[in-house]
Amino acid sequence: MTKIGLLSDTHGLLDKRVFEHFEPCDEIWHAGDIGSAEVLRALREFRPTRAVFGNIDGGEVRYSLSEFYRFRVEEVNVLMTHIGGYPGKYNPWLIPWFEKSLKAKQTVNSSAEDNSYNRDDIDLFVCGHSHILKVQYDKHYQFLTLNPGAAGKSGWQTVQTLLRFTIDGQKIDNLEVIELERH
């Protein structure tokens, strides 16, 4: 079992309470708009960190990360980007990847080997950008979409938000929403 701490949109401010809430986590994922190389370094010093750059990121952050990050944790295939959207309102650039994933799922489901791994498959889609926390299953593309909202103080949101969850084999479970009141 792998425990994940997920955040986005820190915009250069890493609230110290993030470390308290992510203490039990095995790794941290940052879905972009990190805001500074210092924030990325602090996260990486604390726990192994997977991240993508966001639209406000420049310099060292942008050059050290990708816009899209595909990876696998246990038996869950993940696609992470900053500007992603949500079911029915995705970034149009993502639709070909989602269609390829759907086709891969249909191929696996129709074959005798239901447990076979297909690298085109997406089980979990992670994004940020909107500053709106959203957890939604996409019935059409058959994956879970997570947007942790905004962990920083830049923007219109009144509560900083984080997500914490576990991946155990193929199972995404124990999802917790963490709200940090703004000081």
N, C-alpha and C. Protein backbone atom coordinates (compact mmCIF):
# COMPACT_ATOMS: atom_id res chain seq x y z
N MET A 1 0.84 -1.18 0.00
CA MET A 1 0.00 0.00 0.00
C MET A 1 0.88 1.25 0.00
N THR A 2 0.51 2.22 -0.84
CA THR A 2 1.25 3.48 -0.96
C THR A 2 0.32 4.62 -0.58
N LYS A 3 0.75 5.43 0.38
CA LYS A 3 -0.05 6.58 0.82
C LYS A 3 0.46 7.83 0.10
N ILE A 4 -0.48 8.55 -0.53
CA ILE A 4 -0.15 9.71 -1.36
C ILE A 4 -0.69 10.98 -0.74
N GLY A 5 0.12 12.04 -0.77
CA GLY A 5 -0.33 13.39 -0.45
C GLY A 5 -0.36 14.18 -1.75
N LEU A 6 -1.51 14.77 -2.08
CA LEU A 6 -1.69 15.47 -3.35
C LEU A 6 -2.02 16.93 -3.11
N LEU A 7 -1.29 17.82 -3.79
CA LEU A 7 -1.56 19.24 -3.71
C LEU A 7 -1.32 19.89 -5.06
N SER A 8 -1.76 21.13 -5.17
CA SER A 8 -1.59 21.89 -6.39
C SER A 8 -1.65 23.38 -6.05
N ASP A 9 -1.22 24.18 -7.00
CA ASP A 9 -1.38 25.63 -6.92
C ASP A 9 -0.89 26.23 -5.61
N THR A 10 0.36 25.93 -5.27
CA THR A 10 0.99 26.55 -4.10
C THR A 10 1.42 27.98 -4.41
N HIS A 11 1.69 28.27 -5.67
CA HIS A 11 2.05 29.64 -6.10
C HIS A 11 3.18 30.23 -5.26
N GLY A 12 4.17 29.39 -4.94
CA GLY A 12 5.35 29.89 -4.23
C GLY A 12 5.24 29.88 -2.72
N LEU A 13 4.08 29.49 -2.19
CA LEU A 13 3.89 29.45 -0.74
C LEU A 13 3.60 28.03 -0.31
N LEU A 14 4.49 27.47 0.49
CA LEU A 14 4.28 26.12 1.01
C LEU A 14 3.95 26.24 2.49
N ASP A 15 2.69 26.14 2.80
CA ASP A 15 2.20 26.23 4.17
C ASP A 15 2.83 25.11 5.00
N LYS A 16 3.37 25.43 6.15
CA LYS A 16 4.04 24.44 7.01
C LYS A 16 3.08 23.33 7.44
N ARG A 17 1.77 23.60 7.46
CA ARG A 17 0.80 22.58 7.85
C ARG A 17 0.75 21.43 6.85
N VAL A 18 1.21 21.67 5.61
CA VAL A 18 1.26 20.60 4.61
C VAL A 18 2.13 19.45 5.12
N PHE A 19 3.26 19.78 5.72
CA PHE A 19 4.17 18.76 6.22
C PHE A 19 3.53 17.92 7.33
N GLU A 20 2.74 18.55 8.18
CA GLU A 20 2.03 17.81 9.24
C GLU A 20 1.05 16.81 8.63
N HIS A 21 0.28 17.28 7.67
CA HIS A 21 -0.76 16.42 7.07
C HIS A 21 -0.17 15.34 6.16
N PHE A 22 1.00 15.61 5.59
CA PHE A 22 1.62 14.64 4.69
C PHE A 22 2.67 13.78 5.39
N GLU A 23 2.81 13.92 6.70
CA GLU A 23 3.77 13.12 7.45
C GLU A 23 3.59 11.62 7.23
N PRO A 24 2.35 11.09 7.24
CA PRO A 24 2.20 9.65 7.05
C PRO A 24 2.31 9.18 5.59
N CYS A 25 2.54 10.10 4.66
CA CYS A 25 2.55 9.76 3.24
C CYS A 25 3.89 9.17 2.80
N ASP A 26 3.82 8.27 1.83
CA ASP A 26 5.02 7.69 1.24
C ASP A 26 5.59 8.58 0.15
N GLU A 27 4.70 9.28 -0.55
CA GLU A 27 5.15 10.20 -1.59
C GLU A 27 4.15 11.34 -1.74
N ILE A 28 4.64 12.42 -2.37
CA ILE A 28 3.82 13.61 -2.61
C ILE A 28 3.71 13.83 -4.10
N TRP A 29 2.53 14.23 -4.54
CA TRP A 29 2.30 14.63 -5.93
C TRP A 29 1.88 16.09 -5.94
N HIS A 30 2.49 16.87 -6.83
CA HIS A 30 2.13 18.29 -6.99
C HIS A 30 1.66 18.49 -8.42
N ALA A 31 0.42 18.95 -8.58
CA ALA A 31 -0.20 19.08 -9.90
C ALA A 31 -0.03 20.48 -10.51
N GLY A 32 1.11 21.11 -10.26
CA GLY A 32 1.48 22.32 -10.98
C GLY A 32 1.14 23.64 -10.31
N ASP A 33 1.69 24.71 -10.92
CA ASP A 33 1.71 26.06 -10.33
C ASP A 33 2.40 26.00 -8.97
N ILE A 34 3.60 25.44 -9.01
CA ILE A 34 4.42 25.30 -7.82
C ILE A 34 4.88 26.68 -7.36
N GLY A 35 5.33 27.49 -8.29
CA GLY A 35 5.64 28.88 -7.98
C GLY A 35 7.08 29.20 -7.68
N SER A 36 7.85 28.23 -7.22
CA SER A 36 9.27 28.49 -6.97
C SER A 36 10.03 27.17 -6.83
N ALA A 37 11.30 27.23 -7.16
CA ALA A 37 12.16 26.06 -7.01
C ALA A 37 12.31 25.69 -5.54
N GLU A 38 12.21 26.67 -4.64
CA GLU A 38 12.32 26.40 -3.20
C GLU A 38 11.19 25.50 -2.71
N VAL A 39 9.98 25.73 -3.20
CA VAL A 39 8.84 24.89 -2.81
C VAL A 39 9.08 23.46 -3.27
N LEU A 40 9.51 23.29 -4.51
CA LEU A 40 9.78 21.96 -5.04
C LEU A 40 10.89 21.27 -4.25
N ARG A 41 11.96 22.01 -3.94
CA ARG A 41 13.06 21.44 -3.15
C ARG A 41 12.59 21.01 -1.76
N ALA A 42 11.79 21.83 -1.11
CA ALA A 42 11.31 21.51 0.24
C ALA A 42 10.46 20.23 0.22
N LEU A 43 9.60 20.09 -0.78
CA LEU A 43 8.80 18.87 -0.89
C LEU A 43 9.68 17.66 -1.14
N ARG A 44 10.65 17.79 -2.04
CA ARG A 44 11.54 16.67 -2.37
C ARG A 44 12.43 16.28 -1.19
N GLU A 45 12.79 17.22 -0.35
CA GLU A 45 13.58 16.91 0.84
C GLU A 45 12.75 16.18 1.89
N PHE A 46 11.45 16.44 1.88
CA PHE A 46 10.53 15.85 2.84
C PHE A 46 10.12 14.42 2.45
N ARG A 47 9.71 14.23 1.20
CA ARG A 47 9.26 12.93 0.70
C ARG A 47 9.58 12.85 -0.80
N PRO A 48 9.67 11.65 -1.36
CA PRO A 48 9.76 11.54 -2.82
C PRO A 48 8.57 12.28 -3.43
N THR A 49 8.85 13.09 -4.45
CA THR A 49 7.82 13.97 -5.01
C THR A 49 7.75 13.82 -6.52
N ARG A 50 6.52 13.66 -7.00
CA ARG A 50 6.23 13.65 -8.44
C ARG A 50 5.50 14.96 -8.72
N ALA A 51 5.86 15.63 -9.81
CA ALA A 51 5.25 16.93 -10.08
C ALA A 51 5.26 17.26 -11.56
N VAL A 52 4.37 18.16 -11.94
CA VAL A 52 4.33 18.74 -13.29
C VAL A 52 4.40 20.26 -13.14
N PHE A 53 4.84 20.93 -14.20
CA PHE A 53 4.83 22.39 -14.11
C PHE A 53 3.45 22.92 -14.49
N GLY A 54 3.15 24.12 -13.99
CA GLY A 54 1.90 24.78 -14.31
C GLY A 54 2.14 26.03 -15.13
N ASN A 55 1.06 26.71 -15.47
CA ASN A 55 1.16 27.87 -16.35
C ASN A 55 1.90 29.05 -15.72
N ILE A 56 2.00 29.14 -14.39
CA ILE A 56 2.74 30.26 -13.79
C ILE A 56 4.20 29.91 -13.53
N ASP A 57 4.55 28.64 -13.68
CA ASP A 57 5.91 28.21 -13.39
C ASP A 57 6.87 28.61 -14.50
N GLY A 58 8.02 29.07 -14.10
CA GLY A 58 9.04 29.45 -15.06
C GLY A 58 10.39 28.95 -14.60
N GLY A 59 11.41 29.34 -15.33
CA GLY A 59 12.79 29.07 -14.94
C GLY A 59 13.06 27.64 -14.54
N GLU A 60 13.68 27.50 -13.36
CA GLU A 60 14.15 26.21 -12.88
C GLU A 60 13.03 25.18 -12.74
N VAL A 61 11.85 25.60 -12.30
CA VAL A 61 10.74 24.66 -12.13
C VAL A 61 10.31 24.11 -13.48
N ARG A 62 10.09 24.99 -14.43
CA ARG A 62 9.61 24.56 -15.76
C ARG A 62 10.64 23.67 -16.46
N TYR A 63 11.92 23.98 -16.30
CA TYR A 63 12.94 23.20 -16.99
C TYR A 63 13.23 21.86 -16.33
N SER A 64 12.85 21.70 -15.06
CA SER A 64 13.12 20.44 -14.37
C SER A 64 11.94 19.47 -14.39
N LEU A 65 10.78 19.92 -14.88
CA LEU A 65 9.58 19.09 -14.89
C LEU A 65 8.96 19.05 -16.28
N SER A 66 7.96 18.18 -16.44
CA SER A 66 7.22 18.08 -17.69
C SER A 66 5.83 18.65 -17.52
N GLU A 67 5.18 18.92 -18.65
CA GLU A 67 3.80 19.38 -18.62
C GLU A 67 2.84 18.21 -18.36
N PHE A 68 3.20 17.03 -18.86
CA PHE A 68 2.42 15.81 -18.68
C PHE A 68 3.32 14.77 -18.05
N TYR A 69 2.78 14.03 -17.11
CA TYR A 69 3.57 13.00 -16.42
C TYR A 69 2.71 11.74 -16.33
N ARG A 70 3.19 10.68 -16.99
CA ARG A 70 2.53 9.37 -16.93
C ARG A 70 3.42 8.47 -16.08
N PHE A 71 2.80 7.80 -15.11
CA PHE A 71 3.54 6.89 -14.25
C PHE A 71 2.58 5.86 -13.68
N ARG A 72 3.15 4.87 -13.02
CA ARG A 72 2.38 3.78 -12.46
C ARG A 72 2.77 3.63 -10.99
N VAL A 73 1.77 3.56 -10.12
CA VAL A 73 1.99 3.28 -8.70
C VAL A 73 1.22 2.01 -8.39
N GLU A 74 1.95 1.01 -7.96
CA GLU A 74 1.40 -0.33 -7.77
C GLU A 74 0.74 -0.75 -9.09
N GLU A 75 -0.57 -0.93 -9.12
CA GLU A 75 -1.24 -1.35 -10.36
C GLU A 75 -2.15 -0.25 -10.92
N VAL A 76 -1.88 0.99 -10.56
CA VAL A 76 -2.69 2.13 -11.01
C VAL A 76 -1.86 2.98 -11.97
N ASN A 77 -2.40 3.17 -13.18
CA ASN A 77 -1.77 4.02 -14.19
C ASN A 77 -2.28 5.45 -14.02
N VAL A 78 -1.35 6.38 -13.89
CA VAL A 78 -1.69 7.77 -13.58
C VAL A 78 -1.25 8.69 -14.72
N LEU A 79 -2.09 9.66 -15.03
CA LEU A 79 -1.72 10.78 -15.90
C LEU A 79 -1.93 12.04 -15.10
N MET A 80 -0.88 12.87 -15.00
CA MET A 80 -0.96 14.12 -14.26
C MET A 80 -0.54 15.27 -15.17
N THR A 81 -1.31 16.35 -15.12
CA THR A 81 -0.98 17.59 -15.80
C THR A 81 -1.60 18.73 -15.00
N HIS A 82 -1.25 19.96 -15.32
CA HIS A 82 -1.80 21.07 -14.55
C HIS A 82 -3.18 21.47 -15.06
N ILE A 83 -3.27 21.83 -16.33
CA ILE A 83 -4.54 22.29 -16.89
C ILE A 83 -5.23 21.11 -17.54
N GLY A 84 -6.15 20.50 -16.81
CA GLY A 84 -6.77 19.27 -17.27
C GLY A 84 -8.27 19.33 -17.43
N GLY A 85 -8.94 20.01 -16.53
CA GLY A 85 -10.40 20.05 -16.57
C GLY A 85 -11.01 18.93 -15.76
N TYR A 86 -12.22 18.56 -16.13
CA TYR A 86 -12.97 17.54 -15.41
C TYR A 86 -13.95 16.88 -16.38
N PRO A 87 -14.58 15.78 -15.98
CA PRO A 87 -15.46 15.06 -16.91
C PRO A 87 -16.45 15.99 -17.63
N GLY A 88 -16.43 15.88 -18.95
CA GLY A 88 -17.28 16.72 -19.79
C GLY A 88 -16.67 18.05 -20.16
N LYS A 89 -15.60 18.46 -19.49
CA LYS A 89 -14.95 19.76 -19.74
C LYS A 89 -13.43 19.63 -19.68
N TYR A 90 -12.89 18.65 -20.39
CA TYR A 90 -11.44 18.44 -20.38
C TYR A 90 -10.73 19.38 -21.34
N ASN A 91 -9.45 19.59 -21.06
CA ASN A 91 -8.57 20.27 -21.99
C ASN A 91 -8.58 19.44 -23.28
N PRO A 92 -8.92 20.05 -24.43
CA PRO A 92 -9.04 19.27 -25.68
C PRO A 92 -7.79 18.49 -26.05
N TRP A 93 -6.61 18.94 -25.63
CA TRP A 93 -5.37 18.23 -25.94
C TRP A 93 -5.35 16.84 -25.31
N LEU A 94 -6.13 16.64 -24.27
CA LEU A 94 -6.11 15.36 -23.55
C LEU A 94 -7.03 14.31 -24.16
N ILE A 95 -8.00 14.71 -24.92
CA ILE A 95 -9.00 13.78 -25.45
C ILE A 95 -8.38 12.62 -26.24
N PRO A 96 -7.39 12.84 -27.11
CA PRO A 96 -6.78 11.67 -27.80
C PRO A 96 -6.18 10.65 -26.82
N TRP A 97 -5.55 11.11 -25.74
CA TRP A 97 -5.00 10.19 -24.74
C TRP A 97 -6.13 9.43 -24.06
N PHE A 98 -7.22 10.13 -23.74
CA PHE A 98 -8.34 9.49 -23.06
C PHE A 98 -9.01 8.47 -23.97
N GLU A 99 -9.12 8.80 -25.25
CA GLU A 99 -9.72 7.86 -26.21
C GLU A 99 -8.84 6.61 -26.35
N LYS A 100 -7.53 6.81 -26.39
CA LYS A 100 -6.60 5.68 -26.48
C LYS A 100 -6.70 4.80 -25.23
N SER A 101 -6.85 5.43 -24.08
CA SER A 101 -7.01 4.70 -22.83
C SER A 101 -8.30 3.88 -22.85
N LEU A 102 -9.38 4.49 -23.32
CA LEU A 102 -10.67 3.79 -23.38
C LEU A 102 -10.59 2.59 -24.31
N LYS A 103 -9.94 2.77 -25.44
CA LYS A 103 -9.77 1.66 -26.39
C LYS A 103 -8.94 0.54 -25.75
N ALA A 104 -7.90 0.90 -25.02
CA ALA A 104 -7.06 -0.09 -24.34
C ALA A 104 -7.89 -0.87 -23.31
N LYS A 105 -8.74 -0.18 -22.58
CA LYS A 105 -9.60 -0.85 -21.58
C LYS A 105 -10.56 -1.81 -22.26
N GLN A 106 -11.13 -1.39 -23.36
CA GLN A 106 -12.08 -2.24 -24.08
C GLN A 106 -11.37 -3.47 -24.64
N THR A 107 -10.14 -3.31 -25.09
CA THR A 107 -9.36 -4.43 -25.61
C THR A 107 -9.04 -5.42 -24.50
N VAL A 108 -8.60 -4.91 -23.34
CA VAL A 108 -8.28 -5.78 -22.21
C VAL A 108 -9.53 -6.50 -21.72
N ASN A 109 -10.65 -5.78 -21.63
CA ASN A 109 -11.89 -6.38 -21.12
C ASN A 109 -12.43 -7.46 -22.05
N SER A 110 -12.12 -7.37 -23.33
CA SER A 110 -12.63 -8.37 -24.27
C SER A 110 -11.66 -9.54 -24.45
N SER A 111 -10.47 -9.44 -23.86
CA SER A 111 -9.50 -10.52 -23.99
C SER A 111 -9.61 -11.48 -22.82
N ALA A 112 -8.95 -12.60 -22.93
CA ALA A 112 -8.96 -13.60 -21.86
C ALA A 112 -8.13 -13.16 -20.67
N GLU A 113 -7.16 -12.26 -20.88
CA GLU A 113 -6.27 -11.82 -19.82
C GLU A 113 -6.73 -10.48 -19.27
N ASP A 114 -7.71 -10.50 -18.38
CA ASP A 114 -8.27 -9.28 -17.81
C ASP A 114 -7.26 -8.50 -16.98
N ASN A 115 -6.23 -9.15 -16.45
CA ASN A 115 -5.26 -8.48 -15.59
C ASN A 115 -4.02 -8.01 -16.34
N SER A 116 -4.04 -8.07 -17.67
CA SER A 116 -2.85 -7.67 -18.41
C SER A 116 -2.65 -6.16 -18.34
N TYR A 117 -1.41 -5.74 -18.34
CA TYR A 117 -1.05 -4.34 -18.24
C TYR A 117 -0.97 -3.72 -19.63
N ASN A 118 -1.61 -2.57 -19.80
CA ASN A 118 -1.52 -1.82 -21.05
C ASN A 118 -1.08 -0.41 -20.69
N ARG A 119 0.04 0.01 -21.21
CA ARG A 119 0.59 1.31 -20.82
C ARG A 119 -0.24 2.49 -21.29
N ASP A 120 -1.18 2.28 -22.22
CA ASP A 120 -2.04 3.37 -22.67
C ASP A 120 -3.21 3.61 -21.72
N ASP A 121 -3.46 2.67 -20.85
CA ASP A 121 -4.58 2.74 -19.93
C ASP A 121 -4.37 3.87 -18.90
N ILE A 122 -5.44 4.56 -18.54
CA ILE A 122 -5.41 5.57 -17.48
C ILE A 122 -6.45 5.15 -16.45
N ASP A 123 -6.01 5.00 -15.21
CA ASP A 123 -6.92 4.67 -14.10
C ASP A 123 -7.21 5.89 -13.24
N LEU A 124 -6.24 6.81 -13.21
CA LEU A 124 -6.35 7.99 -12.36
C LEU A 124 -5.82 9.19 -13.12
N PHE A 125 -6.64 10.22 -13.23
CA PHE A 125 -6.25 11.47 -13.88
C PHE A 125 -6.18 12.55 -12.81
N VAL A 126 -5.02 13.23 -12.73
CA VAL A 126 -4.77 14.24 -11.71
C VAL A 126 -4.45 15.56 -12.39
N CYS A 127 -5.10 16.63 -11.93
CA CYS A 127 -4.82 17.96 -12.46
C CYS A 127 -5.03 19.00 -11.37
N GLY A 128 -4.74 20.24 -11.71
CA GLY A 128 -4.92 21.37 -10.80
C GLY A 128 -5.56 22.52 -11.56
N HIS A 129 -5.00 23.73 -11.37
CA HIS A 129 -5.31 24.93 -12.13
C HIS A 129 -6.58 25.67 -11.70
N SER A 130 -7.68 25.00 -11.50
CA SER A 130 -8.95 25.68 -11.26
C SER A 130 -9.08 26.25 -9.85
N HIS A 131 -8.27 25.80 -8.93
CA HIS A 131 -8.36 26.13 -7.50
C HIS A 131 -9.65 25.58 -6.89
N ILE A 132 -10.33 24.68 -7.60
CA ILE A 132 -11.57 24.07 -7.13
C ILE A 132 -11.31 22.60 -6.86
N LEU A 133 -11.46 22.19 -5.62
CA LEU A 133 -11.29 20.79 -5.27
C LEU A 133 -12.41 20.00 -5.94
N LYS A 134 -12.02 18.94 -6.65
CA LYS A 134 -13.01 18.12 -7.33
C LYS A 134 -12.52 16.68 -7.38
N VAL A 135 -13.39 15.77 -6.97
CA VAL A 135 -13.15 14.34 -7.04
C VAL A 135 -14.34 13.77 -7.81
N GLN A 136 -14.07 13.23 -8.98
CA GLN A 136 -15.18 12.78 -9.82
C GLN A 136 -14.75 11.58 -10.66
N TYR A 137 -15.62 10.59 -10.72
CA TYR A 137 -15.36 9.44 -11.57
C TYR A 137 -15.94 9.74 -12.95
N ASP A 138 -15.13 9.52 -13.98
CA ASP A 138 -15.59 9.71 -15.35
C ASP A 138 -16.11 8.38 -15.87
N LYS A 139 -17.42 8.28 -15.98
CA LYS A 139 -18.04 7.02 -16.42
C LYS A 139 -17.70 6.70 -17.86
N HIS A 140 -17.59 7.72 -18.70
CA HIS A 140 -17.29 7.46 -20.11
C HIS A 140 -15.88 6.90 -20.29
N TYR A 141 -14.88 7.63 -19.75
CA TYR A 141 -13.48 7.19 -19.92
C TYR A 141 -13.03 6.19 -18.87
N GLN A 142 -13.85 5.97 -17.88
CA GLN A 142 -13.62 4.94 -16.86
C GLN A 142 -12.35 5.17 -16.04
N PHE A 143 -12.20 6.39 -15.53
CA PHE A 143 -11.12 6.67 -14.58
C PHE A 143 -11.57 7.70 -13.57
N LEU A 144 -10.84 7.75 -12.47
CA LEU A 144 -11.10 8.72 -11.42
C LEU A 144 -10.32 10.00 -11.73
N THR A 145 -10.98 11.14 -11.56
CA THR A 145 -10.34 12.44 -11.75
C THR A 145 -10.20 13.11 -10.38
N LEU A 146 -8.98 13.56 -10.07
CA LEU A 146 -8.71 14.26 -8.82
C LEU A 146 -8.11 15.63 -9.11
N ASN A 147 -8.69 16.66 -8.51
CA ASN A 147 -8.11 18.00 -8.50
C ASN A 147 -8.11 18.42 -7.04
N PRO A 148 -6.92 18.62 -6.44
CA PRO A 148 -6.86 18.91 -5.01
C PRO A 148 -7.23 20.35 -4.64
N GLY A 149 -7.62 21.17 -5.61
CA GLY A 149 -7.88 22.57 -5.30
C GLY A 149 -6.58 23.33 -5.20
N ALA A 150 -6.50 24.28 -4.29
CA ALA A 150 -5.30 25.11 -4.17
C ALA A 150 -4.75 25.04 -2.75
N ALA A 151 -3.45 24.72 -2.64
CA ALA A 151 -2.79 24.65 -1.35
C ALA A 151 -2.16 25.99 -0.96
N GLY A 152 -2.06 26.92 -1.92
CA GLY A 152 -1.49 28.22 -1.65
C GLY A 152 -2.55 29.24 -1.29
N LYS A 153 -2.12 30.49 -1.13
CA LYS A 153 -3.05 31.56 -0.76
C LYS A 153 -3.38 32.48 -1.91
N SER A 154 -2.72 32.31 -3.07
CA SER A 154 -3.04 33.13 -4.23
C SER A 154 -4.34 32.65 -4.84
N GLY A 155 -5.20 33.58 -5.19
CA GLY A 155 -6.47 33.21 -5.81
C GLY A 155 -7.65 33.59 -4.95
N TRP A 156 -8.79 33.22 -5.41
CA TRP A 156 -10.05 33.63 -4.79
C TRP A 156 -10.53 32.67 -3.70
N GLN A 157 -9.97 31.47 -3.61
CA GLN A 157 -10.45 30.49 -2.65
C GLN A 157 -10.23 30.96 -1.22
N THR A 158 -11.14 30.59 -0.32
CA THR A 158 -11.02 31.00 1.08
C THR A 158 -10.43 29.90 1.96
N VAL A 159 -10.34 28.69 1.43
CA VAL A 159 -9.77 27.57 2.16
C VAL A 159 -8.71 26.90 1.29
N GLN A 160 -7.55 26.67 1.88
CA GLN A 160 -6.51 25.92 1.18
C GLN A 160 -6.86 24.44 1.31
N THR A 161 -6.72 23.68 0.23
CA THR A 161 -7.12 22.28 0.26
C THR A 161 -6.01 21.35 -0.22
N LEU A 162 -6.02 20.15 0.33
CA LEU A 162 -5.09 19.07 0.00
C LEU A 162 -5.90 17.78 -0.07
N LEU A 163 -5.36 16.77 -0.72
CA LEU A 163 -5.96 15.44 -0.70
C LEU A 163 -4.93 14.44 -0.21
N ARG A 164 -5.42 13.43 0.46
CA ARG A 164 -4.58 12.33 0.90
C ARG A 164 -5.36 11.05 0.61
N PHE A 165 -4.67 10.03 0.06
CA PHE A 165 -5.34 8.78 -0.29
C PHE A 165 -4.32 7.67 -0.37
N THR A 166 -4.83 6.45 -0.53
CA THR A 166 -3.94 5.31 -0.67
C THR A 166 -4.18 4.60 -2.00
N ILE A 167 -3.13 3.96 -2.47
CA ILE A 167 -3.21 3.06 -3.61
C ILE A 167 -2.75 1.71 -3.10
N ASP A 168 -3.62 0.73 -3.25
CA ASP A 168 -3.32 -0.62 -2.79
C ASP A 168 -3.65 -1.57 -3.94
N GLY A 169 -2.63 -1.98 -4.68
CA GLY A 169 -2.85 -2.78 -5.88
C GLY A 169 -3.56 -1.94 -6.92
N GLN A 170 -4.77 -2.36 -7.31
CA GLN A 170 -5.57 -1.61 -8.28
C GLN A 170 -6.54 -0.65 -7.61
N LYS A 171 -6.56 -0.65 -6.30
CA LYS A 171 -7.57 0.08 -5.53
C LYS A 171 -7.09 1.46 -5.09
N ILE A 172 -7.86 2.49 -5.40
CA ILE A 172 -7.63 3.85 -4.92
C ILE A 172 -8.63 4.05 -3.79
N ASP A 173 -8.14 4.31 -2.58
CA ASP A 173 -9.01 4.22 -1.41
C ASP A 173 -8.62 5.25 -0.35
N ASN A 174 -9.40 5.29 0.71
CA ASN A 174 -9.13 6.12 1.89
C ASN A 174 -8.90 7.59 1.55
N LEU A 175 -9.68 8.11 0.64
CA LEU A 175 -9.54 9.51 0.22
C LEU A 175 -9.95 10.45 1.34
N GLU A 176 -9.08 11.38 1.66
CA GLU A 176 -9.35 12.38 2.69
C GLU A 176 -9.17 13.77 2.10
N VAL A 177 -10.12 14.65 2.37
CA VAL A 177 -10.00 16.06 2.00
C VAL A 177 -9.49 16.78 3.24
N ILE A 178 -8.43 17.55 3.06
CA ILE A 178 -7.85 18.32 4.16
C ILE A 178 -8.03 19.80 3.84
N GLU A 179 -8.67 20.52 4.76
CA GLU A 179 -8.89 21.95 4.59
C GLU A 179 -8.02 22.70 5.58
N LEU A 180 -7.30 23.69 5.07
CA LEU A 180 -6.47 24.55 5.91
C LEU A 180 -7.10 25.94 5.91
N GLU A 181 -7.61 26.35 7.04
CA GLU A 181 -8.19 27.71 7.11
C GLU A 181 -7.11 28.73 6.85
N ARG A 182 -7.45 29.75 6.09
CA ARG A 182 -6.48 30.81 5.79
C ARG A 182 -6.28 31.69 7.01
N HIS A 183 -5.03 32.04 7.29
CA HIS A 183 -4.71 32.94 8.42
C HIS A 183 -4.54 34.34 7.86
